[in-house]
Amino acid sequence: HTHDFAGAVVSGTLRHGRSAEDFETMT
């Protein structure tokens, strides 16, 4: 995305990172 993002997980398990093989799990 062009612009900065700041946020938080409300519910569920999100995976976010470099790729589908290299990520961190967020709850």
PDB file of all heavy atoms in Angstrom:
ATOM      1  N   HIS A   1       0.863  -1.175   0.000  1.00  0.00           N
ATOM      2  CA  HIS A   1       0.000   0.000   0.000  1.00  0.00           C
ATOM      3  C   HIS A   1       0.902   1.229   0.000  1.00  0.00           C
ATOM      4  O   HIS A   1       1.982   1.216   0.599  1.00  0.00           O
ATOM      5  CB  HIS A   1      -0.902   0.031   1.237  1.00  0.00           C
ATOM      6  CG  HIS A   1      -1.655  -1.242   1.464  1.00  0.00           C
ATOM      7  ND1 HIS A   1      -2.670  -1.666   0.631  1.00  0.00           N
ATOM      8  CD2 HIS A   1      -1.536  -2.193   2.427  1.00  0.00           C
ATOM      9  CE1 HIS A   1      -3.153  -2.811   1.076  1.00  0.00           C
ATOM     10  NE2 HIS A   1      -2.473  -3.166   2.155  1.00  0.00           N
ATOM     11  N   THR A   2       0.456   2.296  -0.624  1.00  0.00           N
ATOM     12  CA  THR A   2       1.280   3.503  -0.696  1.00  0.00           C
ATOM     13  C   THR A   2       1.491   4.137   0.669  1.00  0.00           C
ATOM     14  O   THR A   2       2.553   4.659   0.970  1.00  0.00           O
ATOM     15  CB  THR A   2       0.631   4.532  -1.642  1.00  0.00           C
ATOM     16  OG1 THR A   2       0.504   3.965  -2.946  1.00  0.00           O
ATOM     17  CG2 THR A   2       1.457   5.806  -1.716  1.00  0.00           C
ATOM     18  N   HIS A   3       0.462   4.068   1.524  1.00  0.00           N
ATOM     19  CA  HIS A   3       0.498   4.829   2.773  1.00  0.00           C
ATOM     20  C   HIS A   3       0.680   3.938   4.004  1.00  0.00           C
ATOM     21  O   HIS A   3       0.339   2.756   4.000  1.00  0.00           O
ATOM     22  CB  HIS A   3      -0.782   5.653   2.900  1.00  0.00           C
ATOM     23  CG  HIS A   3      -0.989   6.579   1.743  1.00  0.00           C
ATOM     24  ND1 HIS A   3      -0.303   7.758   1.602  1.00  0.00           N
ATOM     25  CD2 HIS A   3      -1.786   6.475   0.649  1.00  0.00           C
ATOM     26  CE1 HIS A   3      -0.666   8.356   0.487  1.00  0.00           C
ATOM     27  NE2 HIS A   3      -1.566   7.595  -0.113  1.00  0.00           N
ATOM     28  N   ASP A   4       1.186   4.558   5.063  1.00  0.00           N
ATOM     29  CA  ASP A   4       1.412   3.855   6.330  1.00  0.00           C
ATOM     30  C   ASP A   4       0.093   3.369   6.922  1.00  0.00           C
ATOM     31  O   ASP A   4      -0.947   4.012   6.782  1.00  0.00           O
ATOM     32  CB  ASP A   4       2.087   4.781   7.346  1.00  0.00           C
ATOM     33  CG  ASP A   4       3.493   5.186   6.934  1.00  0.00           C
ATOM     34  OD1 ASP A   4       4.005   4.621   5.952  1.00  0.00           O
ATOM     35  OD2 ASP A   4       4.070   6.067   7.597  1.00  0.00           O
ATOM     36  N   PHE A   5       0.181   2.238   7.638  1.00  0.00           N
ATOM     37  CA  PHE A   5      -0.976   1.674   8.321  1.00  0.00           C
ATOM     38  C   PHE A   5      -0.618   1.375   9.764  1.00  0.00           C
ATOM     39  O   PHE A   5       0.467   0.879  10.059  1.00  0.00           O
ATOM     40  CB  PHE A   5      -1.428   0.381   7.620  1.00  0.00           C
ATOM     41  CG  PHE A   5      -2.438  -0.411   8.398  1.00  0.00           C
ATOM     42  CD1 PHE A   5      -3.790  -0.092   8.336  1.00  0.00           C
ATOM     43  CD2 PHE A   5      -2.043  -1.468   9.218  1.00  0.00           C
ATOM     44  CE1 PHE A   5      -4.731  -0.816   9.072  1.00  0.00           C
ATOM     45  CE2 PHE A   5      -2.974  -2.201   9.945  1.00  0.00           C
ATOM     46  CZ  PHE A   5      -4.323  -1.871   9.876  1.00  0.00           C
ATOM     47  N   ALA A   6      -1.545   1.681  10.680  1.00  0.00           N
ATOM     48  CA  ALA A   6      -1.389   1.305  12.086  1.00  0.00           C
ATOM     49  C   ALA A   6      -2.708   0.718  12.551  1.00  0.00           C
ATOM     50  O   ALA A   6      -3.768   1.314  12.321  1.00  0.00           O
ATOM     51  CB  ALA A   6      -1.016   2.518  12.938  1.00  0.00           C
ATOM     52  N   GLY A   7      -2.669  -0.476  13.161  1.00  0.00           N
ATOM     53  CA  GLY A   7      -3.932  -1.094  13.544  1.00  0.00           C
ATOM     54  C   GLY A   7      -3.742  -2.210  14.543  1.00  0.00           C
ATOM     55  O   GLY A   7      -2.634  -2.453  15.053  1.00  0.00           O
ATOM     56  N   ALA A   8      -4.852  -2.901  14.827  1.00  0.00           N
ATOM     57  CA  ALA A   8      -4.841  -3.974  15.818  1.00  0.00           C
ATOM     58  C   ALA A   8      -5.821  -5.062  15.412  1.00  0.00           C
ATOM     59  O   ALA A   8      -6.784  -4.819  14.675  1.00  0.00           O
ATOM     60  CB  ALA A   8      -5.209  -3.430  17.197  1.00  0.00           C
ATOM     61  N   VAL A   9      -5.569  -6.272  15.885  1.00  0.00           N
ATOM     62  CA  VAL A   9      -6.471  -7.400  15.639  1.00  0.00           C
ATOM     63  C   VAL A   9      -7.584  -7.369  16.688  1.00  0.00           C
ATOM     64  O   VAL A   9      -7.312  -7.302  17.889  1.00  0.00           O
ATOM     65  CB  VAL A   9      -5.719  -8.741  15.703  1.00  0.00           C
ATOM     66  CG1 VAL A   9      -6.688  -9.902  15.494  1.00  0.00           C
ATOM     67  CG2 VAL A   9      -4.609  -8.771  14.657  1.00  0.00           C
ATOM     68  N   VAL A  10      -8.823  -7.422  16.225  1.00  0.00           N
ATOM     69  CA  VAL A  10      -9.978  -7.468  17.126  1.00  0.00           C
ATOM     70  C   VAL A  10     -10.315  -8.913  17.471  1.00  0.00           C
ATOM     71  O   VAL A  10     -10.575  -9.252  18.629  1.00  0.00           O
ATOM     72  CB  VAL A  10     -11.197  -6.767  16.489  1.00  0.00           C
ATOM     73  CG1 VAL A  10     -12.421  -6.864  17.396  1.00  0.00           C
ATOM     74  CG2 VAL A  10     -10.875  -5.306  16.184  1.00  0.00           C
ATOM     75  N   SER A  11     -10.318  -9.776  16.468  1.00  0.00           N
ATOM     76  CA  SER A  11     -10.626 -11.190  16.698  1.00  0.00           C
ATOM     77  C   SER A  11     -10.049 -12.027  15.568  1.00  0.00           C
ATOM     78  O   SER A  11      -9.744 -11.520  14.483  1.00  0.00           O
ATOM     79  CB  SER A  11     -12.148 -11.405  16.789  1.00  0.00           C
ATOM     80  OG  SER A  11     -12.776 -11.060  15.569  1.00  0.00           O
ATOM     81  N   GLY A  12      -9.915 -13.335  15.823  1.00  0.00           N
ATOM     82  CA  GLY A  12      -9.387 -14.240  14.809  1.00  0.00           C
ATOM     83  C   GLY A  12      -7.871 -14.354  14.875  1.00  0.00           C
ATOM     84  O   GLY A  12      -7.205 -13.743  15.721  1.00  0.00           O
ATOM     85  N   THR A  13      -7.322 -15.152  13.971  1.00  0.00           N
ATOM     86  CA  THR A  13      -5.877 -15.363  13.899  1.00  0.00           C
ATOM     87  C   THR A  13      -5.383 -14.935  12.533  1.00  0.00           C
ATOM     88  O   THR A  13      -5.746 -15.525  11.507  1.00  0.00           O
ATOM     89  CB  THR A  13      -5.521 -16.845  14.127  1.00  0.00           C
ATOM     90  OG1 THR A  13      -6.007 -17.249  15.412  1.00  0.00           O
ATOM     91  CG2 THR A  13      -4.026 -17.063  14.069  1.00  0.00           C
ATOM     92  N   LEU A  14      -4.581 -13.896  12.514  1.00  0.00           N
ATOM     93  CA  LEU A  14      -4.067 -13.309  11.274  1.00  0.00           C
ATOM     94  C   LEU A  14      -2.591 -13.664  11.139  1.00  0.00           C
ATOM     95  O   LEU A  14      -1.853 -13.699  12.131  1.00  0.00           O
ATOM     96  CB  LEU A  14      -4.236 -11.792  11.337  1.00  0.00           C
ATOM     97  CG  LEU A  14      -4.267 -11.007  10.024  1.00  0.00           C
ATOM     98  CD1 LEU A  14      -5.567 -11.285   9.288  1.00  0.00           C
ATOM     99  CD2 LEU A  14      -4.153  -9.508  10.316  1.00  0.00           C
ATOM    100  N   ARG A  15      -2.154 -13.945   9.906  1.00  0.00           N
ATOM    101  CA  ARG A  15      -0.730 -14.184   9.654  1.00  0.00           C
ATOM    102  C   ARG A  15      -0.249 -13.088   8.720  1.00  0.00           C
ATOM    103  O   ARG A  15      -0.858 -12.820   7.681  1.00  0.00           O
ATOM    104  CB  ARG A  15      -0.514 -15.568   9.049  1.00  0.00           C
ATOM    105  CG  ARG A  15      -1.004 -16.681   9.956  1.00  0.00           C
ATOM    106  CD  ARG A  15      -0.588 -18.057   9.485  1.00  0.00           C
ATOM    107  NE  ARG A  15      -1.081 -18.374   8.141  1.00  0.00           N
ATOM    108  CZ  ARG A  15      -0.879 -19.540   7.527  1.00  0.00           C
ATOM    109  NH1 ARG A  15      -0.188 -20.489   8.145  1.00  0.00           N
ATOM    110  NH2 ARG A  15      -1.367 -19.755   6.329  1.00  0.00           N
ATOM    111  N   HIS A  16       0.865 -12.447   9.116  1.00  0.00           N
ATOM    112  CA  HIS A  16       1.322 -11.266   8.382  1.00  0.00           C
ATOM    113  C   HIS A  16       2.842 -11.277   8.332  1.00  0.00           C
ATOM    114  O   HIS A  16       3.501 -11.500   9.357  1.00  0.00           O
ATOM    115  CB  HIS A  16       0.831 -10.001   9.096  1.00  0.00           C
ATOM    116  CG  HIS A  16       1.073  -8.747   8.326  1.00  0.00           C
ATOM    117  ND1 HIS A  16       0.167  -8.236   7.431  1.00  0.00           N
ATOM    118  CD2 HIS A  16       2.122  -7.895   8.321  1.00  0.00           C
ATOM    119  CE1 HIS A  16       0.622  -7.122   6.913  1.00  0.00           C
ATOM    120  NE2 HIS A  16       1.821  -6.885   7.428  1.00  0.00           N
ATOM    121  N   GLY A  17       3.405 -11.081   7.140  1.00  0.00           N
ATOM    122  CA  GLY A  17       4.856 -11.079   7.063  1.00  0.00           C
ATOM    123  C   GLY A  17       5.390 -10.970   5.657  1.00  0.00           C
ATOM    124  O   GLY A  17       4.761 -10.407   4.760  1.00  0.00           O
ATOM    125  N   ARG A  18       6.577 -11.564   5.463  1.00  0.00           N
ATOM    126  CA  ARG A  18       7.299 -11.444   4.206  1.00  0.00           C
ATOM    127  C   ARG A  18       6.647 -12.234   3.070  1.00  0.00           C
ATOM    128  O   ARG A  18       6.619 -11.795   1.924  1.00  0.00           O
ATOM    129  CB  ARG A  18       8.735 -11.942   4.414  1.00  0.00           C
ATOM    130  CG  ARG A  18       9.653 -11.783   3.227  1.00  0.00           C
ATOM    131  CD  ARG A  18      10.977 -12.491   3.496  1.00  0.00           C
ATOM    132  NE  ARG A  18      11.532 -12.099   4.773  1.00  0.00           N
ATOM    133  CZ  ARG A  18      12.226 -10.987   4.975  1.00  0.00           C
ATOM    134  NH1 ARG A  18      12.431 -10.163   3.966  1.00  0.00           N
ATOM    135  NH2 ARG A  18      12.710 -10.712   6.167  1.00  0.00           N
ATOM    136  N   SER A  19       6.091 -13.410   3.403  1.00  0.00           N
ATOM    137  CA  SER A  19       5.502 -14.272   2.379  1.00  0.00           C
ATOM    138  C   SER A  19       4.622 -15.317   3.054  1.00  0.00           C
ATOM    139  O   SER A  19       4.507 -15.347   4.290  1.00  0.00           O
ATOM    140  CB  SER A  19       6.602 -14.963   1.562  1.00  0.00           C
ATOM    141  OG  SER A  19       7.319 -15.875   2.383  1.00  0.00           O
ATOM    142  N   ALA A  20       4.043 -16.206   2.248  1.00  0.00           N
ATOM    143  CA  ALA A  20       3.189 -17.268   2.796  1.00  0.00           C
ATOM    144  C   ALA A  20       3.995 -18.273   3.600  1.00  0.00           C
ATOM    145  O   ALA A  20       3.426 -19.070   4.358  1.00  0.00           O
ATOM    146  CB  ALA A  20       2.459 -17.978   1.657  1.00  0.00           C
ATOM    147  N   GLU A  21       5.312 -18.244   3.454  1.00  0.00           N
ATOM    148  CA  GLU A  21       6.162 -19.166   4.207  1.00  0.00           C
ATOM    149  C   GLU A  21       6.900 -18.472   5.347  1.00  0.00           C
ATOM    150  O   GLU A  21       7.453 -19.133   6.243  1.00  0.00           O
ATOM    151  CB  GLU A  21       7.208 -19.801   3.270  1.00  0.00           C
ATOM    152  CG  GLU A  21       6.633 -20.729   2.213  1.00  0.00           C
ATOM    153  CD  GLU A  21       5.961 -19.973   1.057  1.00  0.00           C
ATOM    154  OE1 GLU A  21       6.423 -18.851   0.736  1.00  0.00           O
ATOM    155  OE2 GLU A  21       4.977 -20.498   0.513  1.00  0.00           O
ATOM    156  N   ASP A  22       6.931 -17.156   5.348  1.00  0.00           N
ATOM    157  CA  ASP A  22       7.708 -16.391   6.332  1.00  0.00           C
ATOM    158  C   ASP A  22       6.807 -15.303   6.903  1.00  0.00           C
ATOM    159  O   ASP A  22       6.638 -14.251   6.304  1.00  0.00           O
ATOM    160  CB  ASP A  22       8.945 -15.792   5.647  1.00  0.00           C
ATOM    161  CG  ASP A  22       9.848 -15.066   6.627  1.00  0.00           C
ATOM    162  OD1 ASP A  22       9.536 -15.061   7.837  1.00  0.00           O
ATOM    163  OD2 ASP A  22      10.854 -14.484   6.175  1.00  0.00           O
ATOM    164  N   PHE A  23       6.208 -15.573   8.060  1.00  0.00           N
ATOM    165  CA  PHE A  23       5.218 -14.650   8.621  1.00  0.00           C
ATOM    166  C   PHE A  23       5.223 -14.732  10.144  1.00  0.00           C
ATOM    167  O   PHE A  23       5.867 -15.625  10.731  1.00  0.00           O
ATOM    168  CB  PHE A  23       3.816 -14.986   8.100  1.00  0.00           C
ATOM    169  CG  PHE A  23       3.395 -16.398   8.392  1.00  0.00           C
ATOM    170  CD1 PHE A  23       2.885 -16.766   9.627  1.00  0.00           C
ATOM    171  CD2 PHE A  23       3.532 -17.391   7.411  1.00  0.00           C
ATOM    172  CE1 PHE A  23       2.518 -18.079   9.898  1.00  0.00           C
ATOM    173  CE2 PHE A  23       3.172 -18.704   7.673  1.00  0.00           C
ATOM    174  CZ  PHE A  23       2.667 -19.058   8.922  1.00  0.00           C
ATOM    175  N   GLU A  24       4.491 -13.806  10.770  1.00  0.00           N
ATOM    176  CA  GLU A  24       4.247 -13.858  12.211  1.00  0.00           C
ATOM    177  C   GLU A  24       2.749 -13.995  12.433  1.00  0.00           C
ATOM    178  O   GLU A  24       1.944 -13.467  11.661  1.00  0.00           O
ATOM    179  CB  GLU A  24       4.774 -12.602  12.902  1.00  0.00           C
ATOM    180  CG  GLU A  24       6.297 -12.508  12.888  1.00  0.00           C
ATOM    181  CD  GLU A  24       6.808 -11.431  13.820  1.00  0.00           C
ATOM    182  OE1 GLU A  24       6.287 -11.349  14.951  1.00  0.00           O
ATOM    183  OE2 GLU A  24       7.717 -10.690  13.415  1.00  0.00           O
ATOM    184  N   THR A  25       2.392 -14.716  13.491  1.00  0.00           N
ATOM    185  CA  THR A  25       0.977 -14.936  13.804  1.00  0.00           C
ATOM    186  C   THR A  25       0.491 -13.864  14.766  1.00  0.00           C
ATOM    187  O   THR A  25       1.146 -13.574  15.777  1.00  0.00           O
ATOM    188  CB  THR A  25       0.776 -16.329  14.423  1.00  0.00           C
ATOM    189  OG1 THR A  25       1.214 -17.320  13.486  1.00  0.00           O
ATOM    190  CG2 THR A  25      -0.689 -16.559  14.749  1.00  0.00           C
ATOM    191  N   MET A  26      -0.657 -13.286  14.448  1.00  0.00           N
ATOM    192  CA  MET A  26      -1.243 -12.219  15.266  1.00  0.00           C
ATOM    193  C   MET A  26      -2.628 -12.648  15.750  1.00  0.00           C
ATOM    194  O   MET A  26      -3.422 -13.188  14.979  1.00  0.00           O
ATOM    195  CB  MET A  26      -1.355 -10.924  14.464  1.00  0.00           C
ATOM    196  CG  MET A  26      -0.032 -10.397  13.930  1.00  0.00           C
ATOM    197  SD  MET A  26      -0.260  -8.896  12.929  1.00  0.00           S
ATOM    198  CE  MET A  26      -0.950  -7.766  14.143  1.00  0.00           C
ATOM    199  N   THR A  27      -2.908 -12.395  17.014  1.00  0.00           N
ATOM    200  CA  THR A  27      -4.223 -12.705  17.585  1.00  0.00           C
ATOM    201  C   THR A  27      -4.790 -11.448  18.247  1.00  0.00           C
ATOM    202  O   THR A  27      -4.163 -10.377  18.224  1.00  0.00           O
ATOM    203  CB  THR A  27      -4.130 -13.857  18.599  1.00  0.00           C
ATOM    204  OG1 THR A  27      -3.185 -13.507  19.616  1.00  0.00           O
ATOM    205  CG2 THR A  27      -3.673 -15.137  17.917  1.00  0.00           C
TER     206      THR A  27
END
